[in-house]
Structures are given as structure tokens and as C-alpha cells.
Amino acid sequence: MRMYKHPDISLSETRFVMESRIATNLFDLELKQMDCSVSKDGRQLSLNTHIDCNGEKLCLQYGKGSFLKDKSLAGHFTLQFKHGQ
């Protein structure tokens, strides 16, 4: 029998906006559904993510414009963060 594991983070019908004026980044996502399972191994944190969203605007440098604007984004990926030594 297979056990279903509920996600650690689950968001639906949510607007996610993150801006860094120092790094001139802007992430503006309209999430239809996002589920994440979180795991930690030593200094590494992993977020196993499934996402279905509309990218209102994703910009790594304001001066160069958005690389994703008014486009849908869906898929499964893993985000990994490693704390420095």
C-alpha cells in the first residue's frame, strides 16, 4: 500500500512577489497551485516543488527587462540552498 505524503508547503490562488533592490531582482508570480516538500541534509536545504502559475514578471536586472512576462509556467523541480561555511 502506497502512503501519500502531504506537502510541507501548499499554496493555491496566491500572488507571490519578491523584490531585491540591492540585486535589482523582481519575481512576481500568480500561483494557481504550488506544493513543496522540504528536506534537509546537513547544511543543504532542498525544496521538491510542483508548480502551476502565471509569471506576471520575472526580472534579474531591471535595466534589461523581464525574461518572463505574462507567460504560464508549470512543472516539477528542486530548489537547493546550501549555507556557506
N, C-alpha and C. Protein backbone atom coordinates (compact mmCIF):
# COMPACT_ATOMS: atom_id res chain seq x y z
N MET A 1 0.84 -1.18 0.00
CA MET A 1 0.00 0.00 0.00
C MET A 1 0.89 1.24 0.00
N ARG A 2 0.63 2.17 -0.91
CA ARG A 2 1.42 3.38 -1.02
C ARG A 2 0.83 4.46 -0.12
N MET A 3 1.69 5.09 0.67
CA MET A 3 1.24 6.16 1.57
C MET A 3 1.43 7.50 0.85
N TYR A 4 0.44 8.36 0.92
CA TYR A 4 0.54 9.69 0.34
C TYR A 4 1.08 10.65 1.37
N LYS A 5 2.14 11.36 1.02
CA LYS A 5 2.72 12.35 1.93
C LYS A 5 2.21 13.72 1.55
N HIS A 6 1.60 14.39 2.50
CA HIS A 6 1.12 15.75 2.25
C HIS A 6 2.32 16.68 2.09
N PRO A 7 2.20 17.71 1.25
CA PRO A 7 3.31 18.64 1.08
C PRO A 7 3.55 19.45 2.36
N ASP A 8 4.80 19.86 2.57
CA ASP A 8 5.13 20.71 3.71
C ASP A 8 4.60 22.13 3.51
N ILE A 9 4.59 22.57 2.25
CA ILE A 9 4.07 23.89 1.89
C ILE A 9 3.12 23.71 0.73
N SER A 10 1.93 24.29 0.82
CA SER A 10 0.96 24.23 -0.26
C SER A 10 0.27 25.58 -0.39
N LEU A 11 0.33 26.16 -1.58
CA LEU A 11 -0.30 27.45 -1.84
C LEU A 11 -1.19 27.32 -3.07
N SER A 12 -2.36 27.92 -3.01
CA SER A 12 -3.23 27.96 -4.20
C SER A 12 -3.88 29.33 -4.30
N GLU A 13 -4.07 29.77 -5.54
CA GLU A 13 -4.66 31.08 -5.82
C GLU A 13 -3.99 32.17 -4.98
N THR A 14 -2.64 32.27 -5.12
CA THR A 14 -1.83 33.17 -4.30
C THR A 14 -0.92 34.00 -5.19
N ARG A 15 -0.76 35.26 -4.87
CA ARG A 15 0.18 36.13 -5.57
C ARG A 15 1.47 36.18 -4.76
N PHE A 16 2.61 35.87 -5.37
CA PHE A 16 3.91 35.86 -4.72
C PHE A 16 4.78 36.92 -5.38
N VAL A 17 5.20 37.92 -4.60
CA VAL A 17 6.06 38.99 -5.12
C VAL A 17 7.27 39.10 -4.22
N MET A 18 8.46 39.06 -4.83
CA MET A 18 9.71 39.22 -4.09
C MET A 18 10.59 40.18 -4.88
N GLU A 19 11.09 41.20 -4.18
CA GLU A 19 11.91 42.21 -4.84
C GLU A 19 13.17 42.47 -4.02
N SER A 20 14.29 42.60 -4.71
CA SER A 20 15.55 42.95 -4.08
C SER A 20 16.09 44.17 -4.80
N ARG A 21 16.10 45.27 -4.11
CA ARG A 21 16.61 46.50 -4.74
C ARG A 21 18.12 46.48 -4.85
N ILE A 22 18.78 45.76 -3.94
CA ILE A 22 20.25 45.68 -3.99
C ILE A 22 20.68 44.88 -5.21
N ALA A 23 20.04 43.73 -5.44
CA ALA A 23 20.40 42.86 -6.57
C ALA A 23 19.57 43.18 -7.81
N THR A 24 18.68 44.13 -7.74
CA THR A 24 17.77 44.54 -8.81
C THR A 24 16.98 43.36 -9.40
N ASN A 25 16.48 42.49 -8.54
CA ASN A 25 15.65 41.34 -8.95
C ASN A 25 14.19 41.61 -8.62
N LEU A 26 13.31 41.06 -9.45
CA LEU A 26 11.88 41.12 -9.18
C LEU A 26 11.25 39.82 -9.64
N PHE A 27 10.53 39.17 -8.74
CA PHE A 27 9.79 37.95 -9.05
C PHE A 27 8.33 38.21 -8.70
N ASP A 28 7.46 38.15 -9.69
CA ASP A 28 6.03 38.39 -9.49
C ASP A 28 5.28 37.23 -10.14
N LEU A 29 4.77 36.31 -9.31
CA LEU A 29 4.10 35.11 -9.79
C LEU A 29 2.67 35.04 -9.27
N GLU A 30 1.77 34.66 -10.12
CA GLU A 30 0.38 34.39 -9.73
C GLU A 30 0.23 32.88 -9.69
N LEU A 31 0.28 32.32 -8.48
CA LEU A 31 0.27 30.86 -8.31
C LEU A 31 -1.15 30.31 -8.40
N LYS A 32 -1.34 29.38 -9.34
CA LYS A 32 -2.59 28.62 -9.36
C LYS A 32 -2.50 27.54 -8.30
N GLN A 33 -1.36 26.82 -8.29
CA GLN A 33 -1.09 25.78 -7.29
C GLN A 33 0.41 25.59 -7.17
N MET A 34 0.90 25.49 -5.93
CA MET A 34 2.29 25.17 -5.68
C MET A 34 2.37 24.28 -4.45
N ASP A 35 3.04 23.15 -4.58
CA ASP A 35 3.25 22.21 -3.48
C ASP A 35 4.74 21.96 -3.34
N CYS A 36 5.25 22.01 -2.10
CA CYS A 36 6.67 21.78 -1.83
C CYS A 36 6.82 20.79 -0.68
N SER A 37 7.77 19.89 -0.85
CA SER A 37 8.21 19.03 0.24
C SER A 37 9.62 19.48 0.59
N VAL A 38 9.88 19.69 1.86
CA VAL A 38 11.15 20.23 2.32
C VAL A 38 11.97 19.14 2.98
N SER A 39 13.27 19.07 2.63
CA SER A 39 14.18 18.13 3.29
C SER A 39 15.50 18.84 3.58
N LYS A 40 16.18 18.37 4.61
CA LYS A 40 17.45 18.97 5.00
C LYS A 40 18.49 17.87 5.15
N ASP A 41 19.68 18.13 4.60
CA ASP A 41 20.80 17.21 4.71
C ASP A 41 22.03 18.04 5.08
N GLY A 42 22.37 18.04 6.35
CA GLY A 42 23.49 18.86 6.81
C GLY A 42 23.19 20.33 6.61
N ARG A 43 24.03 21.00 5.82
CA ARG A 43 23.84 22.43 5.56
C ARG A 43 23.00 22.70 4.30
N GLN A 44 22.52 21.65 3.66
CA GLN A 44 21.75 21.81 2.43
C GLN A 44 20.25 21.64 2.69
N LEU A 45 19.47 22.60 2.19
CA LEU A 45 18.02 22.56 2.28
C LEU A 45 17.47 22.37 0.87
N SER A 46 16.60 21.39 0.68
CA SER A 46 16.02 21.12 -0.65
C SER A 46 14.51 21.27 -0.60
N LEU A 47 13.96 21.94 -1.61
CA LEU A 47 12.52 22.08 -1.77
C LEU A 47 12.12 21.37 -3.07
N ASN A 48 11.48 20.23 -2.94
CA ASN A 48 10.99 19.47 -4.08
C ASN A 48 9.64 20.09 -4.45
N THR A 49 9.56 20.74 -5.59
CA THR A 49 8.45 21.63 -5.91
C THR A 49 7.69 21.22 -7.16
N HIS A 50 6.37 21.31 -7.08
CA HIS A 50 5.49 21.20 -8.24
C HIS A 50 4.73 22.52 -8.32
N ILE A 51 4.76 23.16 -9.50
CA ILE A 51 4.17 24.49 -9.63
C ILE A 51 3.33 24.61 -10.89
N ASP A 52 2.27 25.36 -10.78
CA ASP A 52 1.43 25.76 -11.92
C ASP A 52 1.08 27.22 -11.67
N CYS A 53 1.65 28.11 -12.49
CA CYS A 53 1.46 29.54 -12.23
C CYS A 53 1.54 30.35 -13.51
N ASN A 54 1.21 31.62 -13.37
CA ASN A 54 1.38 32.59 -14.44
C ASN A 54 2.48 33.54 -13.98
N GLY A 55 3.53 33.67 -14.77
CA GLY A 55 4.62 34.58 -14.45
C GLY A 55 4.25 35.97 -14.91
N GLU A 56 3.82 36.80 -13.97
CA GLU A 56 3.48 38.18 -14.33
C GLU A 56 4.74 38.92 -14.76
N LYS A 57 5.82 38.73 -13.98
CA LYS A 57 7.09 39.36 -14.33
C LYS A 57 8.22 38.69 -13.56
N LEU A 58 9.27 38.30 -14.26
CA LEU A 58 10.49 37.81 -13.63
C LEU A 58 11.64 38.60 -14.24
N CYS A 59 12.37 39.27 -13.40
CA CYS A 59 13.41 40.18 -13.86
C CYS A 59 14.65 40.01 -12.99
N LEU A 60 15.80 39.71 -13.61
CA LEU A 60 17.04 39.58 -12.85
C LEU A 60 17.79 40.90 -12.77
N GLN A 61 17.60 41.77 -13.76
CA GLN A 61 18.18 43.11 -13.74
C GLN A 61 17.16 44.05 -14.36
N TYR A 62 16.72 45.03 -13.57
CA TYR A 62 15.68 45.96 -14.03
C TYR A 62 16.01 46.58 -15.38
N GLY A 63 17.26 46.98 -15.58
CA GLY A 63 17.66 47.66 -16.81
C GLY A 63 17.52 46.80 -18.06
N LYS A 64 17.57 45.48 -17.92
CA LYS A 64 17.49 44.58 -19.07
C LYS A 64 16.08 44.08 -19.32
N GLY A 65 15.13 44.41 -18.46
CA GLY A 65 13.74 43.99 -18.65
C GLY A 65 13.48 42.58 -18.13
N SER A 66 12.25 42.15 -18.34
CA SER A 66 11.80 40.84 -17.85
C SER A 66 12.17 39.73 -18.82
N PHE A 67 12.52 38.57 -18.30
CA PHE A 67 12.74 37.42 -19.17
C PHE A 67 11.51 36.53 -19.20
N LEU A 68 10.56 36.79 -18.32
CA LEU A 68 9.29 36.07 -18.32
C LEU A 68 8.21 37.06 -17.97
N LYS A 69 7.32 37.35 -18.92
CA LYS A 69 6.26 38.31 -18.67
C LYS A 69 4.98 37.77 -19.27
N ASP A 70 3.96 37.65 -18.42
CA ASP A 70 2.64 37.16 -18.84
C ASP A 70 2.71 35.80 -19.55
N LYS A 71 3.50 34.89 -18.99
CA LYS A 71 3.64 33.54 -19.54
C LYS A 71 3.29 32.52 -18.47
N SER A 72 2.75 31.39 -18.89
CA SER A 72 2.45 30.34 -17.92
C SER A 72 3.72 29.52 -17.66
N LEU A 73 3.79 29.00 -16.45
CA LEU A 73 4.93 28.21 -16.02
C LEU A 73 4.39 27.04 -15.21
N ALA A 74 4.74 25.84 -15.63
CA ALA A 74 4.27 24.64 -14.92
C ALA A 74 5.37 23.59 -14.97
N GLY A 75 5.49 22.84 -13.88
CA GLY A 75 6.47 21.77 -13.88
C GLY A 75 6.87 21.34 -12.49
N HIS A 76 7.87 20.50 -12.48
CA HIS A 76 8.38 19.90 -11.25
C HIS A 76 9.88 20.15 -11.22
N PHE A 77 10.38 20.69 -10.11
CA PHE A 77 11.81 20.96 -9.99
C PHE A 77 12.21 20.96 -8.53
N THR A 78 13.51 20.98 -8.29
CA THR A 78 14.05 21.02 -6.93
C THR A 78 14.90 22.27 -6.76
N LEU A 79 14.61 23.03 -5.71
CA LEU A 79 15.42 24.19 -5.33
C LEU A 79 16.35 23.74 -4.22
N GLN A 80 17.62 24.08 -4.33
CA GLN A 80 18.57 23.70 -3.29
C GLN A 80 19.30 24.92 -2.78
N PHE A 81 19.38 25.02 -1.45
CA PHE A 81 20.06 26.12 -0.79
C PHE A 81 21.14 25.50 0.10
N LYS A 82 22.36 26.01 -0.02
CA LYS A 82 23.45 25.48 0.79
C LYS A 82 24.05 26.62 1.59
N HIS A 83 24.01 26.49 2.90
CA HIS A 83 24.54 27.50 3.79
C HIS A 83 26.06 27.53 3.68
N GLY A 84 26.63 28.73 3.56
CA GLY A 84 28.08 28.87 3.44
C GLY A 84 28.81 28.46 4.70
N GLN A 85 30.07 28.23 4.56
CA GLN A 85 30.88 27.76 5.68
C GLN A 85 31.47 28.93 6.43
